Structure formats: structure tokens, C-alpha cells
Amino acid sequence: MHPAFSVIFLTTLIGVGQGLFLALFSSQTYTMVDVLPAQPGGYYAVGGLLALGFLVAGLLLSFFHLGHPERAWRAASQWRTSWLSREVIALPAVMGMVFIYAVANWLEFDADLYGWGMPGQVALTIGSVGAAANLALFLCTGMVYAAVRFLQEWASPLTVVNYFLLGSASGFAFAAAYAAVYAPAMVEFYAGWAIAITLAALVTRAASLFRNARLKRVSNVQTAIGVRHPQVQQRAMGFMAGSYNTREYFHGRTLAFMKSVKWIFLVLVFPVPVLLLWLGLSNESAPLLALAFAVQYLGLLFERWFFFAQANHPQNLYYQVVG
């Protein structure tokens, strides 16, 4: 497939926003049971607004992928059958919950909702709903691609798992850098989880690469044109020049280029951020933690480009003279 940079930025940016919110909410939950030191509401409010900023940026950049942005609202109309429609609904819902979470913490709204006699119950309730919405958005985003059965590279549960783990890893990495400036006592929690999630993502992403390298194609030249004769040879592509089919369903890059992108993202997303997170945690260095997030996000741009480009559309069998 031909990767669209607007979709690459959409999926990576909202992943950071979702991961950052989950990091903030999980740490706030730990403070309620005295596992982590309590932080003022403003800390979670500003963090929530930063998460919202990533989500909004991803949404705005996605409009560049639309031929008629004014009709974008129609994408939600097929929610009964389309994962894309469900994603279109889930994203604004997540943005709304993150905003409410930030406002509630900024104003320090609280009440004894459940008779527990402990503070933070309002934030816990709003955060729980927001966390559920974030998990639903991860599911919808991953299933947009995993549900496309004829693109065998995508049609796997690993697609959903990788979207969740990679987004969470980047969000926790950003949270570590954020905490290094405003709440140093929380850095160990965020950085430790960022390392753990990154290592888990390495395992699942490597598993998907291993799987895709050994796929047995269900389509061939015969099925591409509906002729079952055992010897079918293509002599021409049917076009004097390029077309929509040759532009949008194939990336046009060489095998060597694809391999280089794969190794770039494997290095930038996994070992380098883990090393920087470990060094930043050991030295209590905010710049190193910020660099860890920046390097990992850059690597995620390469990873997402490779994810889209690796998918081999069956129609390329017919246009193999070009592909």
C-alpha cells in the first residue's frame, strides 16, 4: 500500500495522547492508595491538556487525507458495520473525556461518591470512563486495519496489540519527561513502565514481522483475473502510464529501501529509547527523558510508514509489471 503521511501522523499522535492519559490516570490511581506521592490537581490538569493537544493535532492532520473534508462527519454513519466509523465516534469521545478529566483536576472537584471516605473519587470516576474510552479507541484504530482480511499483513490480532503497546510506550515516555520537570517523584513510575511496555512492544512487533515474512499468499495471478488455467503470464500492465491503481496500492520503493526502513524503526523505537530512559532515570535528567520520547516518536513515524507499505494489496498481482 502507499502510505499516507496524514494517517501516519494521525495514528502516532493520538497514540501518544492516549498513552499519556493512561499514564496520568494510572499514576493518580496509585496516589489514592499511597503507592505514589500525591500531586496537585494542576499537575494532572496540565498533563491532560497536553494529551488532548496530541489528540487534536492528530485529528486535524487526518483531514489532509480527505478529498472533501466538509463531508468528514458522514464517516460516522456506518458505525454498525465499520470500524472506521467507530473510530470516528470514539476519538471525539476520548477527547471529551480527557478535557473533562483535565477540568475536574484543575478545579479540584471532589465528593464522597461511594462512601469510601477518601479523596479523589471524582477524578477516579472520570478517569475510569476516560481509560475505557481510550482502550476502545485503541481497539477501533487497530481493527480498522486488522479487519481487512485480504491484506494478510494486517489481518492479525497482533495489529491491535501493537497499536496499543506502541501508543502506550510513547505516552509513558512523554509522561516521564513531563514529570521530570513538574513531579520528579513520579519519574521512576513512568520511566519504568515506559521501558517495560517498550520491551513488550518489541516482542509483539517482532512477532508480527516474523509472521508477515512467512505468509502464504492466498491470491495468485489466476485468482487475480479469475482464470484458473495453470499457466497464465502477464505480457502488459494495461496502461501506457500510471493510474490510481498503480499509485495508491503500491509504495513504489525497492526491497532494499523497505529493509532499511525496517531496521531504522527497530533501532529508534526500541533499544535507543530504552537506553535513554534508563540513563535519564539513573541521572534524573529531564533532557535525556525528553530525548527518549523524541527518538521513539521519530522511530514510530518510520514504523507506521513500514506498517502501511508492507501490506501487499492483491490487485498488485495484476499490475505486477509496475509493482
C-alpha atoms as a PDB file:
ATOM      1  CA  MET A   1       0.000   0.000   0.000  1.00  0.00           C
ATOM      2  CA  HIS A   2       1.011   3.632  -0.485  1.00  0.00           C
ATOM      3  CA  PRO A   3       1.396   5.221   2.998  1.00  0.00           C
ATOM      4  CA  ALA A   4      -0.476   8.497   3.543  1.00  0.00           C
ATOM      5  CA  PHE A   5       1.514  10.789   5.821  1.00  0.00           C
ATOM      6  CA  SER A   6      -1.668  12.306   7.259  1.00  0.00           C
ATOM      7  CA  VAL A   7      -2.727   8.866   8.524  1.00  0.00           C
ATOM      8  CA  ILE A   8       0.795   8.175   9.804  1.00  0.00           C
ATOM      9  CA  PHE A   9       0.665  11.334  11.928  1.00  0.00           C
ATOM     10  CA  LEU A  10      -2.928  10.642  12.970  1.00  0.00           C
ATOM     11  CA  THR A  11      -2.192   7.190  14.354  1.00  0.00           C
ATOM     12  CA  THR A  12       1.094   8.108  16.038  1.00  0.00           C
ATOM     13  CA  LEU A  13      -0.075  11.387  17.599  1.00  0.00           C
ATOM     14  CA  ILE A  14      -3.320  10.031  19.013  1.00  0.00           C
ATOM     15  CA  GLY A  15      -1.307   7.059  20.309  1.00  0.00           C
ATOM     16  CA  VAL A  16       0.894   9.441  22.312  1.00  0.00           C
ATOM     17  CA  GLY A  17      -2.185  11.255  23.627  1.00  0.00           C
ATOM     18  CA  GLN A  18      -3.890   8.036  24.648  1.00  0.00           C
ATOM     19  CA  GLY A  19      -0.757   6.656  26.281  1.00  0.00           C
ATOM     20  CA  LEU A  20      -0.146   9.914  28.143  1.00  0.00           C
ATOM     21  CA  PHE A  21      -3.669   9.931  29.533  1.00  0.00           C
ATOM     22  CA  LEU A  22      -3.364   6.305  30.661  1.00  0.00           C
ATOM     23  CA  ALA A  23      -0.047   7.160  32.335  1.00  0.00           C
ATOM     24  CA  LEU A  24      -1.547  10.115  34.195  1.00  0.00           C
ATOM     25  CA  PHE A  25      -4.659   8.242  35.275  1.00  0.00           C
ATOM     26  CA  SER A  26      -2.770   5.165  36.424  1.00  0.00           C
ATOM     27  CA  SER A  27      -0.336   7.244  38.489  1.00  0.00           C
ATOM     28  CA  GLN A  28      -3.186   9.219  40.038  1.00  0.00           C
ATOM     29  CA  THR A  29      -4.875   5.950  40.981  1.00  0.00           C
ATOM     30  CA  TYR A  30      -1.699   4.790  42.710  1.00  0.00           C
ATOM     31  CA  THR A  31      -1.550   8.020  44.705  1.00  0.00           C
ATOM     32  CA  MET A  32      -5.004   7.301  46.112  1.00  0.00           C
ATOM     33  CA  VAL A  33      -3.688   4.157  47.798  1.00  0.00           C
ATOM     34  CA  ASP A  34      -0.414   5.825  48.870  1.00  0.00           C
ATOM     35  CA  VAL A  35       1.803   3.839  46.499  1.00  0.00           C
ATOM     36  CA  LEU A  36       2.952   7.081  44.868  1.00  0.00           C
ATOM     37  CA  PRO A  37       3.182  10.562  46.414  1.00  0.00           C
ATOM     38  CA  ALA A  38       0.114  12.732  45.837  1.00  0.00           C
ATOM     39  CA  GLN A  39       0.364  15.529  43.294  1.00  0.00           C
ATOM     40  CA  PRO A  40      -1.698  18.732  42.985  1.00  0.00           C
ATOM     41  CA  GLY A  41      -4.664  18.718  40.635  1.00  0.00           C
ATOM     42  CA  GLY A  42      -2.908  21.184  38.346  1.00  0.00           C
ATOM     43  CA  TYR A  43      -0.281  18.564  37.514  1.00  0.00           C
ATOM     44  CA  TYR A  44      -2.906  16.192  36.116  1.00  0.00           C
ATOM     45  CA  ALA A  45      -4.835  19.041  34.531  1.00  0.00           C
ATOM     46  CA  VAL A  46      -1.857  20.295  32.522  1.00  0.00           C
ATOM     47  CA  GLY A  47      -0.913  16.728  31.621  1.00  0.00           C
ATOM     48  CA  GLY A  48      -4.475  16.089  30.482  1.00  0.00           C
ATOM     49  CA  LEU A  49      -4.412  19.187  28.296  1.00  0.00           C
ATOM     50  CA  LEU A  50      -1.139  18.028  26.748  1.00  0.00           C
ATOM     51  CA  ALA A  51      -2.752  14.661  25.986  1.00  0.00           C
ATOM     52  CA  LEU A  52      -5.698  16.498  24.476  1.00  0.00           C
ATOM     53  CA  GLY A  53      -3.276  18.530  22.351  1.00  0.00           C
ATOM     54  CA  PHE A  54      -1.801  15.364  20.840  1.00  0.00           C
ATOM     55  CA  LEU A  55      -5.285  14.026  20.107  1.00  0.00           C
ATOM     56  CA  VAL A  56      -6.422  17.279  18.485  1.00  0.00           C
ATOM     57  CA  ALA A  57      -3.232  17.528  16.416  1.00  0.00           C
ATOM     58  CA  GLY A  58      -3.728  14.000  15.112  1.00  0.00           C
ATOM     59  CA  LEU A  59      -7.358  14.705  14.243  1.00  0.00           C
ATOM     60  CA  LEU A  60      -6.529  17.937  12.400  1.00  0.00           C
ATOM     61  CA  LEU A  61      -3.733  16.328  10.392  1.00  0.00           C
ATOM     62  CA  SER A  62      -6.038  13.493   9.364  1.00  0.00           C
ATOM     63  CA  PHE A  63      -8.190  15.965   7.414  1.00  0.00           C
ATOM     64  CA  PHE A  64      -5.401  16.299   4.847  1.00  0.00           C
ATOM     65  CA  HIS A  65      -6.191  12.729   3.819  1.00  0.00           C
ATOM     66  CA  LEU A  66      -9.760  13.618   2.845  1.00  0.00           C
ATOM     67  CA  GLY A  67     -10.773  14.681  -0.637  1.00  0.00           C
ATOM     68  CA  HIS A  68     -13.799  16.525   0.796  1.00  0.00           C
ATOM     69  CA  PRO A  69     -13.111  17.432   4.446  1.00  0.00           C
ATOM     70  CA  GLU A  70     -16.527  19.089   4.720  1.00  0.00           C
ATOM     71  CA  ARG A  71     -18.094  15.637   4.433  1.00  0.00           C
ATOM     72  CA  ALA A  72     -15.981  14.103   7.212  1.00  0.00           C
ATOM     73  CA  TRP A  73     -18.979  13.877   9.537  1.00  0.00           C
ATOM     74  CA  ARG A  74     -20.514  11.271   7.243  1.00  0.00           C
ATOM     75  CA  ALA A  75     -17.753   8.837   8.186  1.00  0.00           C
ATOM     76  CA  ALA A  76     -19.634   8.102  11.425  1.00  0.00           C
ATOM     77  CA  SER A  77     -22.815   6.996   9.695  1.00  0.00           C
ATOM     78  CA  GLN A  78     -21.786   3.345   9.234  1.00  0.00           C
ATOM     79  CA  TRP A  79     -20.960   2.609  12.863  1.00  0.00           C
ATOM     80  CA  ARG A  80     -22.905  -0.670  12.834  1.00  0.00           C
ATOM     81  CA  THR A  81     -20.527  -2.335  10.387  1.00  0.00           C
ATOM     82  CA  SER A  82     -17.423  -0.147  10.003  1.00  0.00           C
ATOM     83  CA  TRP A  83     -14.505   0.031  12.417  1.00  0.00           C
ATOM     84  CA  LEU A  84     -13.506   3.309  10.792  1.00  0.00           C
ATOM     85  CA  SER A  85     -16.884   4.796  11.713  1.00  0.00           C
ATOM     86  CA  ARG A  86     -16.460   3.524  15.259  1.00  0.00           C
ATOM     87  CA  GLU A  87     -13.024   5.138  15.406  1.00  0.00           C
ATOM     88  CA  VAL A  88     -14.515   8.416  14.165  1.00  0.00           C
ATOM     89  CA  ILE A  89     -17.008   8.262  17.050  1.00  0.00           C
ATOM     90  CA  ALA A  90     -14.528   7.042  19.681  1.00  0.00           C
ATOM     91  CA  LEU A  91     -11.897   9.734  19.037  1.00  0.00           C
ATOM     92  CA  PRO A  92     -14.127  12.743  19.904  1.00  0.00           C
ATOM     93  CA  ALA A  93     -15.470  10.783  22.890  1.00  0.00           C
ATOM     94  CA  VAL A  94     -11.922  10.288  24.173  1.00  0.00           C
ATOM     95  CA  MET A  95     -11.123  13.944  23.579  1.00  0.00           C
ATOM     96  CA  GLY A  96     -14.211  14.949  25.553  1.00  0.00           C
ATOM     97  CA  MET A  97     -13.357  12.685  28.487  1.00  0.00           C
ATOM     98  CA  VAL A  98      -9.738  13.885  28.574  1.00  0.00           C
ATOM     99  CA  PHE A  99     -10.950  17.503  28.633  1.00  0.00           C
ATOM    100  CA  ILE A 100     -13.418  16.790  31.450  1.00  0.00           C
ATOM    101  CA  TYR A 101     -10.670  14.980  33.352  1.00  0.00           C
ATOM    102  CA  ALA A 102      -8.355  17.992  32.997  1.00  0.00           C
ATOM    103  CA  VAL A 103     -11.040  20.473  34.096  1.00  0.00           C
ATOM    104  CA  ALA A 104     -12.071  18.353  37.087  1.00  0.00           C
ATOM    105  CA  ASN A 105      -8.476  18.190  38.278  1.00  0.00           C
ATOM    106  CA  TRP A 106      -7.819  21.870  37.628  1.00  0.00           C
ATOM    107  CA  LEU A 107     -10.854  22.892  39.690  1.00  0.00           C
ATOM    108  CA  GLU A 108     -10.199  20.043  42.143  1.00  0.00           C
ATOM    109  CA  PHE A 109     -13.767  18.808  42.083  1.00  0.00           C
ATOM    110  CA  ASP A 110     -14.301  16.083  44.642  1.00  0.00           C
ATOM    111  CA  ALA A 111     -17.061  14.319  46.537  1.00  0.00           C
ATOM    112  CA  ASP A 112     -17.517  11.128  48.545  1.00  0.00           C
ATOM    113  CA  LEU A 113     -19.368   9.335  45.739  1.00  0.00           C
ATOM    114  CA  TYR A 114     -19.019   5.803  47.067  1.00  0.00           C
ATOM    115  CA  GLY A 115     -18.774   6.307  50.823  1.00  0.00           C
ATOM    116  CA  TRP A 116     -15.112   5.390  50.878  1.00  0.00           C
ATOM    117  CA  GLY A 117     -14.113   8.434  52.901  1.00  0.00           C
ATOM    118  CA  MET A 118     -11.093   9.087  50.688  1.00  0.00           C
ATOM    119  CA  PRO A 119     -10.286  11.993  48.334  1.00  0.00           C
ATOM    120  CA  GLY A 120     -10.062  11.820  44.557  1.00  0.00           C
ATOM    121  CA  GLN A 121     -13.224   9.819  43.859  1.00  0.00           C
ATOM    122  CA  VAL A 122     -14.479  12.230  41.176  1.00  0.00           C
ATOM    123  CA  ALA A 123     -11.171  12.155  39.308  1.00  0.00           C
ATOM    124  CA  LEU A 124     -11.079   8.370  39.668  1.00  0.00           C
ATOM    125  CA  THR A 125     -14.580   8.038  38.197  1.00  0.00           C
ATOM    126  CA  ILE A 126     -13.950  10.378  35.269  1.00  0.00           C
ATOM    127  CA  GLY A 127     -10.552   8.820  34.659  1.00  0.00           C
ATOM    128  CA  SER A 128     -12.000   5.302  34.648  1.00  0.00           C
ATOM    129  CA  VAL A 129     -14.534   6.232  31.984  1.00  0.00           C
ATOM    130  CA  GLY A 130     -11.788   8.008  30.033  1.00  0.00           C
ATOM    131  CA  ALA A 131      -9.477   4.981  30.297  1.00  0.00           C
ATOM    132  CA  ALA A 132     -12.239   2.700  28.993  1.00  0.00           C
ATOM    133  CA  ALA A 133     -12.825   5.105  26.097  1.00  0.00           C
ATOM    134  CA  ASN A 134      -9.088   5.157  25.325  1.00  0.00           C
ATOM    135  CA  LEU A 135      -8.921   1.366  25.256  1.00  0.00           C
ATOM    136  CA  ALA A 136     -11.952   1.320  22.959  1.00  0.00           C
ATOM    137  CA  LEU A 137     -10.218   3.803  20.644  1.00  0.00           C
ATOM    138  CA  PHE A 138      -7.092   1.630  20.535  1.00  0.00           C
ATOM    139  CA  LEU A 139      -9.299  -1.306  19.598  1.00  0.00           C
ATOM    140  CA  CYS A 140     -11.123   0.640  16.879  1.00  0.00           C
ATOM    141  CA  THR A 141      -7.911   2.045  15.379  1.00  0.00           C
ATOM    142  CA  GLY A 142      -6.256  -1.352  15.276  1.00  0.00           C
ATOM    143  CA  MET A 143      -9.332  -3.093  13.897  1.00  0.00           C
ATOM    144  CA  VAL A 144      -9.601  -0.588  11.038  1.00  0.00           C
ATOM    145  CA  TYR A 145      -6.619  -2.482   9.617  1.00  0.00           C
ATOM    146  CA  ALA A 146      -6.871  -5.895  11.257  1.00  0.00           C
ATOM    147  CA  ALA A 147     -10.383  -6.335   9.849  1.00  0.00           C
ATOM    148  CA  VAL A 148      -9.166  -6.034   6.238  1.00  0.00           C
ATOM    149  CA  ARG A 149      -8.823  -9.768   5.620  1.00  0.00           C
ATOM    150  CA  PHE A 150      -7.425  -9.603   2.097  1.00  0.00           C
ATOM    151  CA  LEU A 151      -4.426  -7.592   3.349  1.00  0.00           C
ATOM    152  CA  GLN A 152      -2.794 -10.506   5.101  1.00  0.00           C
ATOM    153  CA  GLU A 153      -0.039  -8.453   6.751  1.00  0.00           C
ATOM    154  CA  TRP A 154      -2.685  -6.525   8.702  1.00  0.00           C
ATOM    155  CA  ALA A 155      -5.231  -9.263   9.360  1.00  0.00           C
ATOM    156  CA  SER A 156      -3.883 -10.375  12.729  1.00  0.00           C
ATOM    157  CA  PRO A 157      -4.625  -9.717  16.425  1.00  0.00           C
ATOM    158  CA  LEU A 158      -1.029  -8.516  16.650  1.00  0.00           C
ATOM    159  CA  THR A 159      -2.064  -5.380  14.754  1.00  0.00           C
ATOM    160  CA  VAL A 160      -4.361  -4.299  17.583  1.00  0.00           C
ATOM    161  CA  VAL A 161      -1.850  -5.306  20.266  1.00  0.00           C
ATOM    162  CA  ASN A 162       0.940  -3.348  18.587  1.00  0.00           C
ATOM    163  CA  TYR A 163      -1.165  -0.199  18.234  1.00  0.00           C
ATOM    164  CA  PHE A 164      -1.935  -0.375  21.951  1.00  0.00           C
ATOM    165  CA  LEU A 165       1.605  -1.123  23.131  1.00  0.00           C
ATOM    166  CA  LEU A 166       3.394   1.341  20.844  1.00  0.00           C
ATOM    167  CA  GLY A 167       0.971   4.148  21.676  1.00  0.00           C
ATOM    168  CA  SER A 168       1.194   3.411  25.410  1.00  0.00           C
ATOM    169  CA  ALA A 169       5.001   3.248  25.318  1.00  0.00           C
ATOM    170  CA  SER A 170       5.283   6.663  23.665  1.00  0.00           C
ATOM    171  CA  GLY A 171       2.728   8.138  26.071  1.00  0.00           C
ATOM    172  CA  PHE A 172       4.528   6.854  29.156  1.00  0.00           C
ATOM    173  CA  ALA A 173       7.847   8.086  27.741  1.00  0.00           C
ATOM    174  CA  PHE A 174       6.368  11.571  27.332  1.00  0.00           C
ATOM    175  CA  ALA A 175       4.914  11.363  30.850  1.00  0.00           C
ATOM    176  CA  ALA A 176       8.406  10.604  32.214  1.00  0.00           C
ATOM    177  CA  ALA A 177       9.813  13.717  30.553  1.00  0.00           C
ATOM    178  CA  TYR A 178       6.856  15.784  31.770  1.00  0.00           C
ATOM    179  CA  ALA A 179       7.215  14.507  35.334  1.00  0.00           C
ATOM    180  CA  ALA A 180      10.964  15.194  35.328  1.00  0.00           C
ATOM    181  CA  VAL A 181      10.117  18.892  35.200  1.00  0.00           C
ATOM    182  CA  TYR A 182       6.955  19.108  37.328  1.00  0.00           C
ATOM    183  CA  ALA A 183       6.882  15.999  39.559  1.00  0.00           C
ATOM    184  CA  PRO A 184      10.300  14.328  39.898  1.00  0.00           C
ATOM    185  CA  ALA A 185       8.938  11.797  42.387  1.00  0.00           C
ATOM    186  CA  MET A 186       6.796  10.277  39.599  1.00  0.00           C
ATOM    187  CA  VAL A 187       9.612   9.807  37.074  1.00  0.00           C
ATOM    188  CA  GLU A 188      10.583   6.322  38.220  1.00  0.00           C
ATOM    189  CA  PHE A 189       6.993   5.094  37.806  1.00  0.00           C
ATOM    190  CA  TYR A 190       6.558   6.482  34.281  1.00  0.00           C
ATOM    191  CA  ALA A 191      10.035   5.645  33.012  1.00  0.00           C
ATOM    192  CA  GLY A 192       9.913   2.138  34.441  1.00  0.00           C
ATOM    193  CA  TRP A 193       6.592   1.422  32.760  1.00  0.00           C
ATOM    194  CA  ALA A 194       7.777   3.051  29.529  1.00  0.00           C
ATOM    195  CA  ILE A 195      10.739   0.650  29.436  1.00  0.00           C
ATOM    196  CA  ALA A 196       8.564  -2.360  30.270  1.00  0.00           C
ATOM    197  CA  ILE A 197       5.920  -1.506  27.662  1.00  0.00           C
ATOM    198  CA  THR A 198       8.574  -0.772  25.034  1.00  0.00           C
ATOM    199  CA  LEU A 199      10.158  -4.178  25.609  1.00  0.00           C
ATOM    200  CA  ALA A 200       6.742  -5.835  25.395  1.00  0.00           C
ATOM    201  CA  ALA A 201       6.099  -3.953  22.151  1.00  0.00           C
ATOM    202  CA  LEU A 202       9.433  -5.190  20.807  1.00  0.00           C
ATOM    203  CA  VAL A 203       8.298  -8.776  21.352  1.00  0.00           C
ATOM    204  CA  THR A 204       4.909  -8.323  19.691  1.00  0.00           C
ATOM    205  CA  ARG A 205       6.207  -6.200  16.797  1.00  0.00           C
ATOM    206  CA  ALA A 206       8.973  -8.709  16.150  1.00  0.00           C
ATOM    207  CA  ALA A 207       6.331 -11.444  16.198  1.00  0.00           C
ATOM    208  CA  SER A 208       4.318  -9.594  13.553  1.00  0.00           C
ATOM    209  CA  LEU A 209       7.412  -9.134  11.374  1.00  0.00           C
ATOM    210  CA  PHE A 210       8.241 -12.826  11.740  1.00  0.00           C
ATOM    211  CA  ARG A 211       4.661 -13.763  10.852  1.00  0.00           C
ATOM    212  CA  ASN A 212       4.491 -11.484   7.825  1.00  0.00           C
ATOM    213  CA  ALA A 213       7.802 -12.737   6.460  1.00  0.00           C
ATOM    214  CA  ARG A 214       6.362 -16.257   6.360  1.00  0.00           C
ATOM    215  CA  LEU A 215       2.896 -15.591   4.981  1.00  0.00           C
ATOM    216  CA  LYS A 216       1.493 -17.983   2.439  1.00  0.00           C
ATOM    217  CA  ARG A 217      -0.342 -15.959  -0.166  1.00  0.00           C
ATOM    218  CA  VAL A 218      -3.966 -16.893  -0.775  1.00  0.00           C
ATOM    219  CA  SER A 219      -4.042 -14.921  -4.036  1.00  0.00           C
ATOM    220  CA  ASN A 220      -2.151 -15.530  -7.260  1.00  0.00           C
ATOM    221  CA  VAL A 221      -2.256 -14.416 -10.873  1.00  0.00           C
ATOM    222  CA  GLN A 222      -5.071 -16.858 -11.614  1.00  0.00           C
ATOM    223  CA  THR A 223      -7.327 -15.625  -8.796  1.00  0.00           C
ATOM    224  CA  ALA A 224      -6.479 -12.000  -9.601  1.00  0.00           C
ATOM    225  CA  ILE A 225      -8.145 -12.236 -13.029  1.00  0.00           C
ATOM    226  CA  GLY A 226     -10.497 -15.142 -12.394  1.00  0.00           C
ATOM    227  CA  VAL A 227      -8.819 -17.590 -14.779  1.00  0.00           C
ATOM    228  CA  ARG A 228      -7.811 -20.974 -13.342  1.00  0.00           C
ATOM    229  CA  HIS A 229      -5.547 -22.121 -16.147  1.00  0.00           C
ATOM    230  CA  PRO A 230      -2.256 -23.382 -14.614  1.00  0.00           C
ATOM    231  CA  GLN A 231      -0.093 -21.274 -16.915  1.00  0.00           C
ATOM    232  CA  VAL A 232      -1.002 -17.583 -17.001  1.00  0.00           C
ATOM    233  CA  GLN A 233       1.566 -14.953 -17.971  1.00  0.00           C
ATOM    234  CA  GLN A 234       1.123 -11.188 -17.932  1.00  0.00           C
ATOM    235  CA  ARG A 235       2.545  -9.503 -21.019  1.00  0.00           C
ATOM    236  CA  ALA A 236       1.382  -5.907 -20.388  1.00  0.00           C
ATOM    237  CA  MET A 237       0.034  -3.884 -17.482  1.00  0.00           C
ATOM    238  CA  GLY A 238      -2.876  -2.422 -19.418  1.00  0.00           C
ATOM    239  CA  PHE A 239      -1.762   1.214 -19.089  1.00  0.00           C
ATOM    240  CA  MET A 240       0.507   3.451 -21.111  1.00  0.00           C
ATOM    241  CA  ALA A 241       1.284   5.347 -17.887  1.00  0.00           C
ATOM    242  CA  GLY A 242       0.439   5.264 -14.194  1.00  0.00           C
ATOM    243  CA  SER A 243      -3.066   5.186 -12.760  1.00  0.00           C
ATOM    244  CA  TYR A 244      -4.869   5.343  -9.409  1.00  0.00           C
ATOM    245  CA  ASN A 245      -4.301   1.605  -9.016  1.00  0.00           C
ATOM    246  CA  THR A 246      -0.566   1.833  -9.539  1.00  0.00           C
ATOM    247  CA  ARG A 247      -0.204   4.940  -7.332  1.00  0.00           C
ATOM    248  CA  GLU A 248      -2.388   4.164  -4.317  1.00  0.00           C
ATOM    249  CA  TYR A 249      -1.912   0.421  -3.849  1.00  0.00           C
ATOM    250  CA  PHE A 250       1.872   0.212  -4.132  1.00  0.00           C
ATOM    251  CA  HIS A 251       4.553   2.279  -2.420  1.00  0.00           C
ATOM    252  CA  GLY A 252       6.959   2.189  -5.366  1.00  0.00           C
ATOM    253  CA  ARG A 253      10.052   1.607  -3.211  1.00  0.00           C
ATOM    254  CA  THR A 254      12.739  -1.009  -3.645  1.00  0.00           C
ATOM    255  CA  LEU A 255      13.184  -4.019  -1.392  1.00  0.00           C
ATOM    256  CA  ALA A 256      16.460  -2.546  -0.108  1.00  0.00           C
ATOM    257  CA  PHE A 257      14.648   0.668   0.861  1.00  0.00           C
ATOM    258  CA  MET A 258      11.996  -1.314   2.737  1.00  0.00           C
ATOM    259  CA  LYS A 259      14.646  -3.248   4.647  1.00  0.00           C
ATOM    260  CA  SER A 260      16.431  -0.035   5.619  1.00  0.00           C
ATOM    261  CA  VAL A 261      13.208   1.490   6.958  1.00  0.00           C
ATOM    262  CA  LYS A 262      12.527  -1.666   8.959  1.00  0.00           C
ATOM    263  CA  TRP A 263      15.911  -1.588  10.665  1.00  0.00           C
ATOM    264  CA  ILE A 264      15.678   2.167  11.276  1.00  0.00           C
ATOM    265  CA  PHE A 265      12.414   1.847  13.162  1.00  0.00           C
ATOM    266  CA  LEU A 266      13.578  -1.257  15.046  1.00  0.00           C
ATOM    267  CA  VAL A 267      16.562   0.712  16.373  1.00  0.00           C
ATOM    268  CA  LEU A 268      14.792   4.028  17.025  1.00  0.00           C
ATOM    269  CA  VAL A 269      11.629   2.650  18.620  1.00  0.00           C
ATOM    270  CA  PHE A 270      13.125   0.033  20.922  1.00  0.00           C
ATOM    271  CA  PRO A 271      16.799  -0.105  22.071  1.00  0.00           C
ATOM    272  CA  VAL A 272      17.693   3.586  21.818  1.00  0.00           C
ATOM    273  CA  PRO A 273      14.680   4.891  23.831  1.00  0.00           C
ATOM    274  CA  VAL A 274      15.129   2.138  26.433  1.00  0.00           C
ATOM    275  CA  LEU A 275      18.782   3.141  26.870  1.00  0.00           C
ATOM    276  CA  LEU A 276      17.907   6.843  27.068  1.00  0.00           C
ATOM    277  CA  LEU A 277      15.083   6.194  29.538  1.00  0.00           C
ATOM    278  CA  TRP A 278      17.411   4.147  31.715  1.00  0.00           C
ATOM    279  CA  LEU A 279      20.112   6.827  31.593  1.00  0.00           C
ATOM    280  CA  GLY A 280      17.593   9.600  32.216  1.00  0.00           C
ATOM    281  CA  LEU A 281      16.179   7.692  35.175  1.00  0.00           C
ATOM    282  CA  SER A 282      19.619   6.953  36.606  1.00  0.00           C
ATOM    283  CA  ASN A 283      20.813  10.550  36.235  1.00  0.00           C
ATOM    284  CA  GLU A 284      17.449  12.240  36.886  1.00  0.00           C
ATOM    285  CA  SER A 285      17.951  14.045  33.587  1.00  0.00           C
ATOM    286  CA  ALA A 286      14.902  15.688  32.017  1.00  0.00           C
ATOM    287  CA  PRO A 287      16.726  16.336  28.695  1.00  0.00           C
ATOM    288  CA  LEU A 288      17.584  12.634  28.328  1.00  0.00           C
ATOM    289  CA  LEU A 289      13.998  11.630  29.064  1.00  0.00           C
ATOM    290  CA  ALA A 290      12.709  14.177  26.563  1.00  0.00           C
ATOM    291  CA  LEU A 291      15.220  12.882  24.003  1.00  0.00           C
ATOM    292  CA  ALA A 292      13.983   9.332  24.642  1.00  0.00           C
ATOM    293  CA  PHE A 293      10.454  10.360  23.730  1.00  0.00           C
ATOM    294  CA  ALA A 294      11.592  12.343  20.666  1.00  0.00           C
ATOM    295  CA  VAL A 295      13.695   9.471  19.321  1.00  0.00           C
ATOM    296  CA  GLN A 296      10.929   6.948  19.907  1.00  0.00           C
ATOM    297  CA  TYR A 297       8.331   9.127  18.217  1.00  0.00           C
ATOM    298  CA  LEU A 298      10.612   9.604  15.217  1.00  0.00           C
ATOM    299  CA  GLY A 299      11.018   5.849  15.080  1.00  0.00           C
ATOM    300  CA  LEU A 300       7.246   5.400  15.245  1.00  0.00           C
ATOM    301  CA  LEU A 301       6.887   7.510  12.095  1.00  0.00           C
ATOM    302  CA  PHE A 302       9.185   5.054  10.311  1.00  0.00           C
ATOM    303  CA  GLU A 303       7.379   2.109  11.895  1.00  0.00           C
ATOM    304  CA  ARG A 304       3.967   3.310  10.777  1.00  0.00           C
ATOM    305  CA  TRP A 305       5.220   4.010   7.248  1.00  0.00           C
ATOM    306  CA  PHE A 306       6.565   0.469   7.099  1.00  0.00           C
ATOM    307  CA  PHE A 307       3.317  -0.927   8.508  1.00  0.00           C
ATOM    308  CA  PHE A 308       1.289   0.619   5.696  1.00  0.00           C
ATOM    309  CA  ALA A 309       3.837  -0.014   2.943  1.00  0.00           C
ATOM    310  CA  GLN A 310       4.324  -3.664   3.857  1.00  0.00           C
ATOM    311  CA  ALA A 311       0.684  -4.515   3.153  1.00  0.00           C
ATOM    312  CA  ASN A 312       0.574  -6.084  -0.294  1.00  0.00           C
ATOM    313  CA  HIS A 313      -2.778  -5.456  -1.972  1.00  0.00           C
ATOM    314  CA  PRO A 314      -3.923  -8.419  -4.144  1.00  0.00           C
ATOM    315  CA  GLN A 315      -4.550  -6.065  -7.061  1.00  0.00           C
ATOM    316  CA  ASN A 316      -0.773  -5.702  -7.382  1.00  0.00           C
ATOM    317  CA  LEU A 317      -0.755  -9.194  -8.856  1.00  0.00           C
ATOM    318  CA  TYR A 318      -2.496  -7.770 -11.903  1.00  0.00           C
ATOM    319  CA  TYR A 319      -0.195  -4.734 -12.049  1.00  0.00           C
ATOM    320  CA  GLN A 320       2.945  -6.687 -11.258  1.00  0.00           C
ATOM    321  CA  VAL A 321       4.764  -5.220 -14.257  1.00  0.00           C
ATOM    322  CA  VAL A 322       4.684  -1.925 -12.322  1.00  0.00           C
ATOM    323  CA  GLY A 323       4.732  -3.363  -8.802  1.00  0.00           C
END
